[in-house]
Amino acid sequence: MDASKREKKSHGTAGFPFQVYPKGPKDNLFIPYHWHPELEIITVISGEVGITIAENQYIGQKGDIFFVDVEQLHEIRGGPENLFRAYVFPLDSLQFQRRDLAQGELLAPLAARELRFRTELRQDQPGCAGIREAFGLMERAYAAKTTGYQLMVKAALLQIIAHAAANGILEHGTARQPVDYRAQMLKDILEYLNTHFTEQIRLNDIAAKFGLSPQYFCTFFKDNLGKTMIQHINFLRVEYASHQLRETDLTVMDIALSSGFDNLSYFIKRFREVFGCTPSNYRKNLSRIP
């Protein structure tokens, strides 16, 4: 897998490669398509959260859990009332130095992708309650950050694996899979859009860049992502604009232009579709969040 195509963000630190998202109450709850070499576990806190993993779309409700496998494309669509938590970590960080049965039968096969988590785990299914309890332990330790909290987090992650193994949530896979050229092309296209979404992107130009006809490019994109290229670009621009509204004092017009919109009313319309309010009201509401 080409490392240049993955999400350009470090998760945690080299000494403790574990990260919880969102990081704070002001963080965006809309996460565009991306992939990374770590496992990601998503749990729904409240409301309904839209989650796309690979080609499958899910609506998660409170208590549901989703496992995003290594290198899987995924997108999360939350909101003010539709909250989720995502935990991202490399599976090999849980392995033991000394080999034992847990290492040989569970941890090493997971790291080698010979075992995988089932993608979808609903709140009333076996194992879900135990895994949510482990989440609680992990959240408390991660928030407190007292001496030894990293070990508490690691212990909670091991509990999750134990509950998954005991309740049939782990499935056998293959350590090596043939390259999926369609998935790789989709990742390449998304990487290009993630890099150039603030620029003017013409359908004919991007289709030619990837050796496709404009018609096939549109069909390929819609079939795999469930949305048009323009819808995806607008989503990226709105997500970027929300970050600018949170982190800068730029005017709404300047933010619209820097995000790739050349029409203010169109920007406001697209922003309202995602966040349910105007950019100005979004910024005002942020000031009320401690």
C-alpha atoms as a PDB file:
ATOM      1  CA  MET A   1       0.000   0.000   0.000  1.00  0.00           C
ATOM      2  CA  ASP A   2       1.416   3.383  -1.020  1.00  0.00           C
ATOM      3  CA  ALA A   3       2.090   5.242   2.257  1.00  0.00           C
ATOM      4  CA  SER A   4       1.634   8.600   0.520  1.00  0.00           C
ATOM      5  CA  LYS A   5      -2.073   7.876   0.084  1.00  0.00           C
ATOM      6  CA  ARG A   6      -2.908   7.401   3.732  1.00  0.00           C
ATOM      7  CA  GLU A   7      -4.286   9.943   6.169  1.00  0.00           C
ATOM      8  CA  LYS A   8      -1.496  12.424   6.888  1.00  0.00           C
ATOM      9  CA  LYS A   9      -1.997  12.555  10.632  1.00  0.00           C
ATOM     10  CA  SER A  10      -0.152  10.905  13.492  1.00  0.00           C
ATOM     11  CA  HIS A  11      -2.268   9.080  16.056  1.00  0.00           C
ATOM     12  CA  GLY A  12      -0.897   9.585  19.540  1.00  0.00           C
ATOM     13  CA  THR A  13       2.888   9.562  19.923  1.00  0.00           C
ATOM     14  CA  ALA A  14       5.690   7.158  19.084  1.00  0.00           C
ATOM     15  CA  GLY A  15       5.833   6.142  22.731  1.00  0.00           C
ATOM     16  CA  PHE A  16       2.062   5.767  23.055  1.00  0.00           C
ATOM     17  CA  PRO A  17       0.392   5.344  19.630  1.00  0.00           C
ATOM     18  CA  PHE A  18      -3.200   5.713  20.757  1.00  0.00           C
ATOM     19  CA  GLN A  19      -5.653   8.511  20.021  1.00  0.00           C
ATOM     20  CA  VAL A  20      -9.275   9.318  20.826  1.00  0.00           C
ATOM     21  CA  TYR A  21     -11.422  11.403  18.449  1.00  0.00           C
ATOM     22  CA  PRO A  22     -12.987  13.918  18.665  1.00  0.00           C
ATOM     23  CA  LYS A  23     -10.373  15.522  20.875  1.00  0.00           C
ATOM     24  CA  GLY A  24     -12.679  18.173  22.356  1.00  0.00           C
ATOM     25  CA  PRO A  25     -16.229  19.594  22.341  1.00  0.00           C
ATOM     26  CA  LYS A  26     -15.384  22.102  19.607  1.00  0.00           C
ATOM     27  CA  ASP A  27     -13.927  19.518  17.261  1.00  0.00           C
ATOM     28  CA  ASN A  28     -15.692  18.707  14.042  1.00  0.00           C
ATOM     29  CA  LEU A  29     -17.898  15.622  14.073  1.00  0.00           C
ATOM     30  CA  PHE A  30     -17.778  15.122  10.288  1.00  0.00           C
ATOM     31  CA  ILE A  31     -14.773  13.098   9.196  1.00  0.00           C
ATOM     32  CA  PRO A  32     -14.348  12.753   5.399  1.00  0.00           C
ATOM     33  CA  TYR A  33     -13.173   9.576   3.670  1.00  0.00           C
ATOM     34  CA  HIS A  34      -9.688   8.529   4.741  1.00  0.00           C
ATOM     35  CA  TRP A  35      -7.670   5.461   5.656  1.00  0.00           C
ATOM     36  CA  HIS A  36      -4.755   4.649   7.930  1.00  0.00           C
ATOM     37  CA  PRO A  37      -2.666   1.606   8.900  1.00  0.00           C
ATOM     38  CA  GLU A  38      -4.146   1.473  12.413  1.00  0.00           C
ATOM     39  CA  LEU A  39      -7.326  -0.233  13.618  1.00  0.00           C
ATOM     40  CA  GLU A  40     -10.178   2.134  14.451  1.00  0.00           C
ATOM     41  CA  ILE A  41     -13.060   1.365  16.815  1.00  0.00           C
ATOM     42  CA  ILE A  42     -16.100   3.655  16.664  1.00  0.00           C
ATOM     43  CA  THR A  43     -18.792   3.720  19.324  1.00  0.00           C
ATOM     44  CA  VAL A  44     -21.993   5.758  19.059  1.00  0.00           C
ATOM     45  CA  ILE A  45     -22.645   7.954  22.102  1.00  0.00           C
ATOM     46  CA  SER A  46     -26.005   9.482  21.163  1.00  0.00           C
ATOM     47  CA  GLY A  47     -28.390  10.022  18.266  1.00  0.00           C
ATOM     48  CA  GLU A  48     -27.720   8.457  14.879  1.00  0.00           C
ATOM     49  CA  VAL A  49     -24.293   8.501  13.260  1.00  0.00           C
ATOM     50  CA  GLY A  50     -23.741   7.740   9.582  1.00  0.00           C
ATOM     51  CA  ILE A  51     -20.729   5.530   8.989  1.00  0.00           C
ATOM     52  CA  THR A  52     -19.367   4.256   5.687  1.00  0.00           C
ATOM     53  CA  ILE A  53     -16.745   1.498   5.820  1.00  0.00           C
ATOM     54  CA  ALA A  54     -15.366   0.261   2.510  1.00  0.00           C
ATOM     55  CA  GLU A  55     -18.491   0.127   0.322  1.00  0.00           C
ATOM     56  CA  ASN A  56     -21.003  -0.432   3.113  1.00  0.00           C
ATOM     57  CA  GLN A  57     -23.107   2.263   4.750  1.00  0.00           C
ATOM     58  CA  TYR A  58     -24.404   1.984   8.313  1.00  0.00           C
ATOM     59  CA  ILE A  59     -26.556   4.032  10.654  1.00  0.00           C
ATOM     60  CA  GLY A  60     -25.187   3.611  14.159  1.00  0.00           C
ATOM     61  CA  GLN A  61     -27.365   4.231  17.199  1.00  0.00           C
ATOM     62  CA  LYS A  62     -26.459   4.697  20.854  1.00  0.00           C
ATOM     63  CA  GLY A  63     -24.404   1.761  22.102  1.00  0.00           C
ATOM     64  CA  ASP A  64     -23.504   0.372  18.661  1.00  0.00           C
ATOM     65  CA  ILE A  65     -19.863  -0.376  17.899  1.00  0.00           C
ATOM     66  CA  PHE A  66     -18.046  -0.513  14.552  1.00  0.00           C
ATOM     67  CA  PHE A  67     -14.579  -1.830  13.763  1.00  0.00           C
ATOM     68  CA  VAL A  68     -12.670  -0.284  10.856  1.00  0.00           C
ATOM     69  CA  ASP A  69      -9.999  -2.677   9.647  1.00  0.00           C
ATOM     70  CA  VAL A  70      -6.465  -1.654   8.769  1.00  0.00           C
ATOM     71  CA  GLU A  71      -6.320   0.372   5.515  1.00  0.00           C
ATOM     72  CA  GLN A  72     -10.100   0.440   5.023  1.00  0.00           C
ATOM     73  CA  LEU A  73     -11.598   3.587   3.559  1.00  0.00           C
ATOM     74  CA  HIS A  74     -14.160   5.060   5.919  1.00  0.00           C
ATOM     75  CA  GLU A  75     -16.173   8.193   6.629  1.00  0.00           C
ATOM     76  CA  ILE A  76     -18.075   9.303   9.754  1.00  0.00           C
ATOM     77  CA  ARG A  77     -21.018  11.700   9.723  1.00  0.00           C
ATOM     78  CA  GLY A  78     -22.017  12.911  13.173  1.00  0.00           C
ATOM     79  CA  GLY A  79     -23.390  16.197  14.436  1.00  0.00           C
ATOM     80  CA  PRO A  80     -24.267  18.234  17.538  1.00  0.00           C
ATOM     81  CA  GLU A  81     -26.842  15.662  18.681  1.00  0.00           C
ATOM     82  CA  ASN A  82     -25.284  12.671  16.926  1.00  0.00           C
ATOM     83  CA  LEU A  83     -22.127  11.956  18.874  1.00  0.00           C
ATOM     84  CA  PHE A  84     -19.511   9.259  18.521  1.00  0.00           C
ATOM     85  CA  ARG A  85     -16.093   8.363  19.849  1.00  0.00           C
ATOM     86  CA  ALA A  86     -13.334   6.834  17.742  1.00  0.00           C
ATOM     87  CA  TYR A  87     -10.272   5.029  19.099  1.00  0.00           C
ATOM     88  CA  VAL A  88      -7.299   4.623  16.760  1.00  0.00           C
ATOM     89  CA  PHE A  89      -4.270   2.434  17.532  1.00  0.00           C
ATOM     90  CA  PRO A  90      -1.887  -0.033  15.823  1.00  0.00           C
ATOM     91  CA  LEU A  91      -2.634  -3.656  16.588  1.00  0.00           C
ATOM     92  CA  ASP A  92       1.028  -4.586  16.922  1.00  0.00           C
ATOM     93  CA  SER A  93       1.334  -2.226  19.912  1.00  0.00           C
ATOM     94  CA  LEU A  94      -0.597  -4.755  22.011  1.00  0.00           C
ATOM     95  CA  GLN A  95       1.711  -7.709  21.467  1.00  0.00           C
ATOM     96  CA  PHE A  96       3.752  -9.280  24.258  1.00  0.00           C
ATOM     97  CA  GLN A  97       7.517  -9.686  24.156  1.00  0.00           C
ATOM     98  CA  ARG A  98       7.213 -13.197  25.541  1.00  0.00           C
ATOM     99  CA  ARG A  99       5.082 -15.516  23.449  1.00  0.00           C
ATOM    100  CA  ASP A 100       2.172 -17.231  25.222  1.00  0.00           C
ATOM    101  CA  LEU A 101      -1.227 -18.593  24.191  1.00  0.00           C
ATOM    102  CA  ALA A 102      -2.854 -15.147  24.054  1.00  0.00           C
ATOM    103  CA  GLN A 103      -0.013 -13.911  21.874  1.00  0.00           C
ATOM    104  CA  GLY A 104      -0.020 -16.933  19.592  1.00  0.00           C
ATOM    105  CA  GLU A 105      -3.784 -17.415  19.238  1.00  0.00           C
ATOM    106  CA  LEU A 106      -5.059 -13.821  19.251  1.00  0.00           C
ATOM    107  CA  LEU A 107      -2.598 -10.923  19.288  1.00  0.00           C
ATOM    108  CA  ALA A 108      -0.148 -12.098  16.623  1.00  0.00           C
ATOM    109  CA  PRO A 109      -2.911 -13.259  14.214  1.00  0.00           C
ATOM    110  CA  LEU A 110      -4.698  -9.900  14.648  1.00  0.00           C
ATOM    111  CA  ALA A 111      -1.515  -7.972  13.866  1.00  0.00           C
ATOM    112  CA  ALA A 112      -0.917 -10.232  10.844  1.00  0.00           C
ATOM    113  CA  ARG A 113      -4.567  -9.758   9.754  1.00  0.00           C
ATOM    114  CA  GLU A 114      -5.197 -13.487   9.961  1.00  0.00           C
ATOM    115  CA  LEU A 115      -7.924 -12.541  12.451  1.00  0.00           C
ATOM    116  CA  ARG A 116     -10.194  -9.530  12.047  1.00  0.00           C
ATOM    117  CA  PHE A 117     -12.949  -7.878  13.962  1.00  0.00           C
ATOM    118  CA  ARG A 118     -16.461  -8.172  12.581  1.00  0.00           C
ATOM    119  CA  THR A 119     -17.371  -4.732  11.232  1.00  0.00           C
ATOM    120  CA  GLU A 120     -20.734  -4.226  12.911  1.00  0.00           C
ATOM    121  CA  LEU A 121     -21.684  -4.901  16.531  1.00  0.00           C
ATOM    122  CA  ARG A 122     -25.112  -3.696  17.666  1.00  0.00           C
ATOM    123  CA  GLN A 123     -25.798  -2.738  21.263  1.00  0.00           C
ATOM    124  CA  ASP A 124     -27.992  -5.771  21.983  1.00  0.00           C
ATOM    125  CA  GLN A 125     -25.602  -8.364  20.542  1.00  0.00           C
ATOM    126  CA  PRO A 126     -23.393 -10.672  22.664  1.00  0.00           C
ATOM    127  CA  GLY A 127     -20.123  -9.084  23.728  1.00  0.00           C
ATOM    128  CA  CYS A 128     -21.212  -5.495  23.184  1.00  0.00           C
ATOM    129  CA  ALA A 129     -21.911  -4.738  26.850  1.00  0.00           C
ATOM    130  CA  GLY A 130     -18.508  -6.042  27.947  1.00  0.00           C
ATOM    131  CA  ILE A 131     -16.718  -4.059  25.273  1.00  0.00           C
ATOM    132  CA  ARG A 132     -18.571  -0.880  26.296  1.00  0.00           C
ATOM    133  CA  GLU A 133     -17.437  -1.455  29.906  1.00  0.00           C
ATOM    134  CA  ALA A 134     -13.858  -1.651  28.642  1.00  0.00           C
ATOM    135  CA  PHE A 135     -14.441   1.619  26.774  1.00  0.00           C
ATOM    136  CA  GLY A 136     -15.454   3.221  30.079  1.00  0.00           C
ATOM    137  CA  LEU A 137     -12.229   2.064  31.735  1.00  0.00           C
ATOM    138  CA  MET A 138     -10.221   3.322  28.799  1.00  0.00           C
ATOM    139  CA  GLU A 139     -11.956   6.721  28.714  1.00  0.00           C
ATOM    140  CA  ARG A 140     -11.441   7.324  32.429  1.00  0.00           C
ATOM    141  CA  ALA A 141      -7.775   6.380  32.302  1.00  0.00           C
ATOM    142  CA  TYR A 142      -7.133   8.435  29.155  1.00  0.00           C
ATOM    143  CA  ALA A 143      -8.880  11.496  30.592  1.00  0.00           C
ATOM    144  CA  ALA A 144      -7.091  11.324  33.971  1.00  0.00           C
ATOM    145  CA  LYS A 145      -3.625  10.675  32.517  1.00  0.00           C
ATOM    146  CA  THR A 146      -2.247   9.707  35.900  1.00  0.00           C
ATOM    147  CA  THR A 147       0.950   7.692  36.184  1.00  0.00           C
ATOM    148  CA  GLY A 148       0.439   4.368  34.441  1.00  0.00           C
ATOM    149  CA  TYR A 149      -2.621   5.454  32.437  1.00  0.00           C
ATOM    150  CA  GLN A 150      -1.067   4.041  29.260  1.00  0.00           C
ATOM    151  CA  LEU A 151      -1.090   0.592  30.843  1.00  0.00           C
ATOM    152  CA  MET A 152      -4.741   1.031  31.855  1.00  0.00           C
ATOM    153  CA  VAL A 153      -5.625   1.934  28.264  1.00  0.00           C
ATOM    154  CA  LYS A 154      -3.670  -1.048  26.969  1.00  0.00           C
ATOM    155  CA  ALA A 155      -5.388  -3.333  29.477  1.00  0.00           C
ATOM    156  CA  ALA A 156      -8.792  -2.084  28.307  1.00  0.00           C
ATOM    157  CA  LEU A 157      -7.873  -2.753  24.677  1.00  0.00           C
ATOM    158  CA  LEU A 158      -6.838  -6.281  25.624  1.00  0.00           C
ATOM    159  CA  GLN A 159     -10.188  -6.708  27.385  1.00  0.00           C
ATOM    160  CA  ILE A 160     -11.931  -5.681  24.161  1.00  0.00           C
ATOM    161  CA  ILE A 161     -10.027  -8.367  22.255  1.00  0.00           C
ATOM    162  CA  ALA A 162     -10.893 -10.940  24.939  1.00  0.00           C
ATOM    163  CA  HIS A 163     -14.619 -10.086  24.778  1.00  0.00           C
ATOM    164  CA  ALA A 164     -14.482 -10.194  20.984  1.00  0.00           C
ATOM    165  CA  ALA A 165     -12.843 -13.623  21.009  1.00  0.00           C
ATOM    166  CA  ALA A 166     -15.315 -15.010  23.561  1.00  0.00           C
ATOM    167  CA  ASN A 167     -18.369 -13.802  21.642  1.00  0.00           C
ATOM    168  CA  GLY A 168     -17.479 -14.678  18.056  1.00  0.00           C
ATOM    169  CA  ILE A 169     -16.685 -11.103  17.013  1.00  0.00           C
ATOM    170  CA  LEU A 170     -13.325 -12.143  15.544  1.00  0.00           C
ATOM    171  CA  GLU A 171     -13.307 -13.653  12.074  1.00  0.00           C
ATOM    172  CA  HIS A 172     -10.608 -15.482  10.174  1.00  0.00           C
ATOM    173  CA  GLY A 173      -9.016 -13.609   7.304  1.00  0.00           C
ATOM    174  CA  THR A 174      -5.959 -13.998   5.135  1.00  0.00           C
ATOM    175  CA  ALA A 175      -2.644 -12.458   6.028  1.00  0.00           C
ATOM    176  CA  ARG A 176      -1.985 -11.408   2.438  1.00  0.00           C
ATOM    177  CA  GLN A 177      -4.627 -10.340  -0.007  1.00  0.00           C
ATOM    178  CA  PRO A 178      -4.283  -9.569  -3.708  1.00  0.00           C
ATOM    179  CA  VAL A 179      -4.140  -5.873  -4.558  1.00  0.00           C
ATOM    180  CA  ASP A 180      -7.603  -4.459  -5.184  1.00  0.00           C
ATOM    181  CA  TYR A 181      -6.894  -2.070  -8.035  1.00  0.00           C
ATOM    182  CA  ARG A 182     -10.352  -0.521  -7.817  1.00  0.00           C
ATOM    183  CA  ALA A 183      -9.849   0.277  -4.132  1.00  0.00           C
ATOM    184  CA  GLN A 184      -6.370   1.624  -4.847  1.00  0.00           C
ATOM    185  CA  MET A 185      -7.681   3.876  -7.619  1.00  0.00           C
ATOM    186  CA  LEU A 186     -10.399   5.154  -5.302  1.00  0.00           C
ATOM    187  CA  LYS A 187      -7.778   5.927  -2.646  1.00  0.00           C
ATOM    188  CA  ASP A 188      -5.672   7.729  -5.263  1.00  0.00           C
ATOM    189  CA  ILE A 189      -8.642   9.817  -6.384  1.00  0.00           C
ATOM    190  CA  LEU A 190      -9.585  10.700  -2.813  1.00  0.00           C
ATOM    191  CA  GLU A 191      -5.993  11.614  -2.002  1.00  0.00           C
ATOM    192  CA  TYR A 192      -5.929  13.949  -4.998  1.00  0.00           C
ATOM    193  CA  LEU A 193      -9.189  15.596  -3.941  1.00  0.00           C
ATOM    194  CA  ASN A 194      -8.033  15.861  -0.316  1.00  0.00           C
ATOM    195  CA  THR A 195      -4.981  17.768  -1.556  1.00  0.00           C
ATOM    196  CA  HIS A 196      -6.613  19.970  -4.219  1.00  0.00           C
ATOM    197  CA  PHE A 197     -10.206  20.554  -3.025  1.00  0.00           C
ATOM    198  CA  THR A 198      -9.656  24.312  -2.514  1.00  0.00           C
ATOM    199  CA  GLU A 199      -8.713  24.642  -6.188  1.00  0.00           C
ATOM    200  CA  GLN A 200     -10.939  24.616  -9.248  1.00  0.00           C
ATOM    201  CA  ILE A 201     -11.336  20.952 -10.236  1.00  0.00           C
ATOM    202  CA  ARG A 202     -12.734  20.162 -13.689  1.00  0.00           C
ATOM    203  CA  LEU A 203     -14.303  16.784 -14.349  1.00  0.00           C
ATOM    204  CA  ASN A 204     -12.555  16.314 -17.706  1.00  0.00           C
ATOM    205  CA  ASP A 205      -9.156  17.068 -16.185  1.00  0.00           C
ATOM    206  CA  ILE A 206      -9.406  14.732 -13.201  1.00  0.00           C
ATOM    207  CA  ALA A 207     -10.928  11.933 -15.285  1.00  0.00           C
ATOM    208  CA  ALA A 208      -8.052  12.206 -17.760  1.00  0.00           C
ATOM    209  CA  LYS A 209      -5.529  12.225 -14.909  1.00  0.00           C
ATOM    210  CA  PHE A 210      -6.744   8.779 -13.860  1.00  0.00           C
ATOM    211  CA  GLY A 211      -7.165   7.445 -17.385  1.00  0.00           C
ATOM    212  CA  LEU A 212     -10.964   7.352 -17.305  1.00  0.00           C
ATOM    213  CA  SER A 213     -13.678   8.869 -19.422  1.00  0.00           C
ATOM    214  CA  PRO A 214     -15.699  11.602 -17.674  1.00  0.00           C
ATOM    215  CA  GLN A 215     -18.828   9.445 -17.778  1.00  0.00           C
ATOM    216  CA  TYR A 216     -17.119   6.391 -16.302  1.00  0.00           C
ATOM    217  CA  PHE A 217     -15.361   8.527 -13.686  1.00  0.00           C
ATOM    218  CA  CYS A 218     -18.731   9.879 -12.490  1.00  0.00           C
ATOM    219  CA  THR A 219     -20.240   6.385 -12.371  1.00  0.00           C
ATOM    220  CA  PHE A 220     -17.185   4.919 -10.601  1.00  0.00           C
ATOM    221  CA  PHE A 221     -17.213   7.684  -7.988  1.00  0.00           C
ATOM    222  CA  LYS A 222     -20.945   7.543  -7.295  1.00  0.00           C
ATOM    223  CA  ASP A 223     -21.055   3.733  -7.170  1.00  0.00           C
ATOM    224  CA  ASN A 224     -18.223   3.551  -4.639  1.00  0.00           C
ATOM    225  CA  LEU A 225     -18.930   6.555  -2.423  1.00  0.00           C
ATOM    226  CA  GLY A 226     -22.670   6.999  -2.790  1.00  0.00           C
ATOM    227  CA  LYS A 227     -22.267  10.648  -3.736  1.00  0.00           C
ATOM    228  CA  THR A 228     -21.088  12.698  -6.695  1.00  0.00           C
ATOM    229  CA  MET A 229     -17.630  14.192  -6.935  1.00  0.00           C
ATOM    230  CA  ILE A 230     -19.083  17.697  -6.519  1.00  0.00           C
ATOM    231  CA  GLN A 231     -20.922  16.648  -3.358  1.00  0.00           C
ATOM    232  CA  HIS A 232     -17.706  15.202  -1.947  1.00  0.00           C
ATOM    233  CA  ILE A 233     -15.660  18.289  -2.825  1.00  0.00           C
ATOM    234  CA  ASN A 234     -18.279  20.539  -1.227  1.00  0.00           C
ATOM    235  CA  PHE A 235     -18.164  18.371   1.890  1.00  0.00           C
ATOM    236  CA  LEU A 236     -14.362  18.725   2.075  1.00  0.00           C
ATOM    237  CA  ARG A 237     -14.634  22.484   1.582  1.00  0.00           C
ATOM    238  CA  VAL A 238     -17.310  22.871   4.252  1.00  0.00           C
ATOM    239  CA  GLU A 239     -15.322  20.734   6.700  1.00  0.00           C
ATOM    240  CA  TYR A 240     -12.253  22.881   6.058  1.00  0.00           C
ATOM    241  CA  ALA A 241     -14.325  26.051   6.448  1.00  0.00           C
ATOM    242  CA  SER A 242     -15.637  24.857   9.819  1.00  0.00           C
ATOM    243  CA  HIS A 243     -12.039  24.466  10.979  1.00  0.00           C
ATOM    244  CA  GLN A 244     -11.289  28.018   9.835  1.00  0.00           C
ATOM    245  CA  LEU A 245     -14.343  29.308  11.686  1.00  0.00           C
ATOM    246  CA  ARG A 246     -13.135  27.606  14.860  1.00  0.00           C
ATOM    247  CA  GLU A 247      -9.468  28.496  14.666  1.00  0.00           C
ATOM    248  CA  THR A 248      -9.257  31.911  12.931  1.00  0.00           C
ATOM    249  CA  ASP A 249     -10.829  35.376  12.961  1.00  0.00           C
ATOM    250  CA  LEU A 250     -11.179  35.510   9.173  1.00  0.00           C
ATOM    251  CA  THR A 251     -14.443  36.856   7.788  1.00  0.00           C
ATOM    252  CA  VAL A 252     -17.016  34.443   6.434  1.00  0.00           C
ATOM    253  CA  MET A 253     -16.337  35.733   2.917  1.00  0.00           C
ATOM    254  CA  ASP A 254     -12.591  35.184   3.246  1.00  0.00           C
ATOM    255  CA  ILE A 255     -13.182  31.690   4.610  1.00  0.00           C
ATOM    256  CA  ALA A 256     -15.533  30.873   1.741  1.00  0.00           C
ATOM    257  CA  LEU A 257     -12.904  31.952  -0.795  1.00  0.00           C
ATOM    258  CA  SER A 258     -10.025  30.168   0.942  1.00  0.00           C
ATOM    259  CA  SER A 259     -12.119  26.980   1.089  1.00  0.00           C
ATOM    260  CA  GLY A 260     -12.673  26.955  -2.667  1.00  0.00           C
ATOM    261  CA  PHE A 261     -16.110  28.587  -2.950  1.00  0.00           C
ATOM    262  CA  ASP A 262     -16.410  31.584  -5.249  1.00  0.00           C
ATOM    263  CA  ASN A 263     -20.004  32.384  -4.316  1.00  0.00           C
ATOM    264  CA  LEU A 264     -20.958  33.358  -0.757  1.00  0.00           C
ATOM    265  CA  SER A 265     -24.625  32.369  -0.950  1.00  0.00           C
ATOM    266  CA  TYR A 266     -23.702  28.956  -2.396  1.00  0.00           C
ATOM    267  CA  PHE A 267     -21.174  28.471   0.415  1.00  0.00           C
ATOM    268  CA  ILE A 268     -23.764  29.328   3.075  1.00  0.00           C
ATOM    269  CA  LYS A 269     -26.265  26.930   1.503  1.00  0.00           C
ATOM    270  CA  ARG A 270     -23.791  24.047   1.416  1.00  0.00           C
ATOM    271  CA  PHE A 271     -22.620  24.819   4.967  1.00  0.00           C
ATOM    272  CA  ARG A 272     -26.191  24.796   6.266  1.00  0.00           C
ATOM    273  CA  GLU A 273     -26.784  21.385   4.656  1.00  0.00           C
ATOM    274  CA  VAL A 274     -23.972  19.887   6.718  1.00  0.00           C
ATOM    275  CA  PHE A 275     -24.183  21.774  10.023  1.00  0.00           C
ATOM    276  CA  GLY A 276     -27.806  22.883  10.086  1.00  0.00           C
ATOM    277  CA  CYS A 277     -26.915  26.563  10.547  1.00  0.00           C
ATOM    278  CA  THR A 278     -25.138  29.423   8.804  1.00  0.00           C
ATOM    279  CA  PRO A 279     -21.359  29.869   9.170  1.00  0.00           C
ATOM    280  CA  SER A 280     -21.931  32.973  11.318  1.00  0.00           C
ATOM    281  CA  ASN A 281     -24.250  31.131  13.701  1.00  0.00           C
ATOM    282  CA  TYR A 282     -21.822  28.202  13.818  1.00  0.00           C
ATOM    283  CA  ARG A 283     -19.088  30.557  15.019  1.00  0.00           C
ATOM    284  CA  LYS A 284     -21.423  32.191  17.559  1.00  0.00           C
ATOM    285  CA  ASN A 285     -22.454  28.809  18.959  1.00  0.00           C
ATOM    286  CA  LEU A 286     -18.796  27.862  19.429  1.00  0.00           C
ATOM    287  CA  SER A 287     -18.303  30.804  21.783  1.00  0.00           C
ATOM    288  CA  ARG A 288     -20.842  29.250  24.153  1.00  0.00           C
ATOM    289  CA  ILE A 289     -18.900  25.988  24.423  1.00  0.00           C
ATOM    290  CA  PRO A 290     -16.515  26.041  27.389  1.00  0.00           C
END
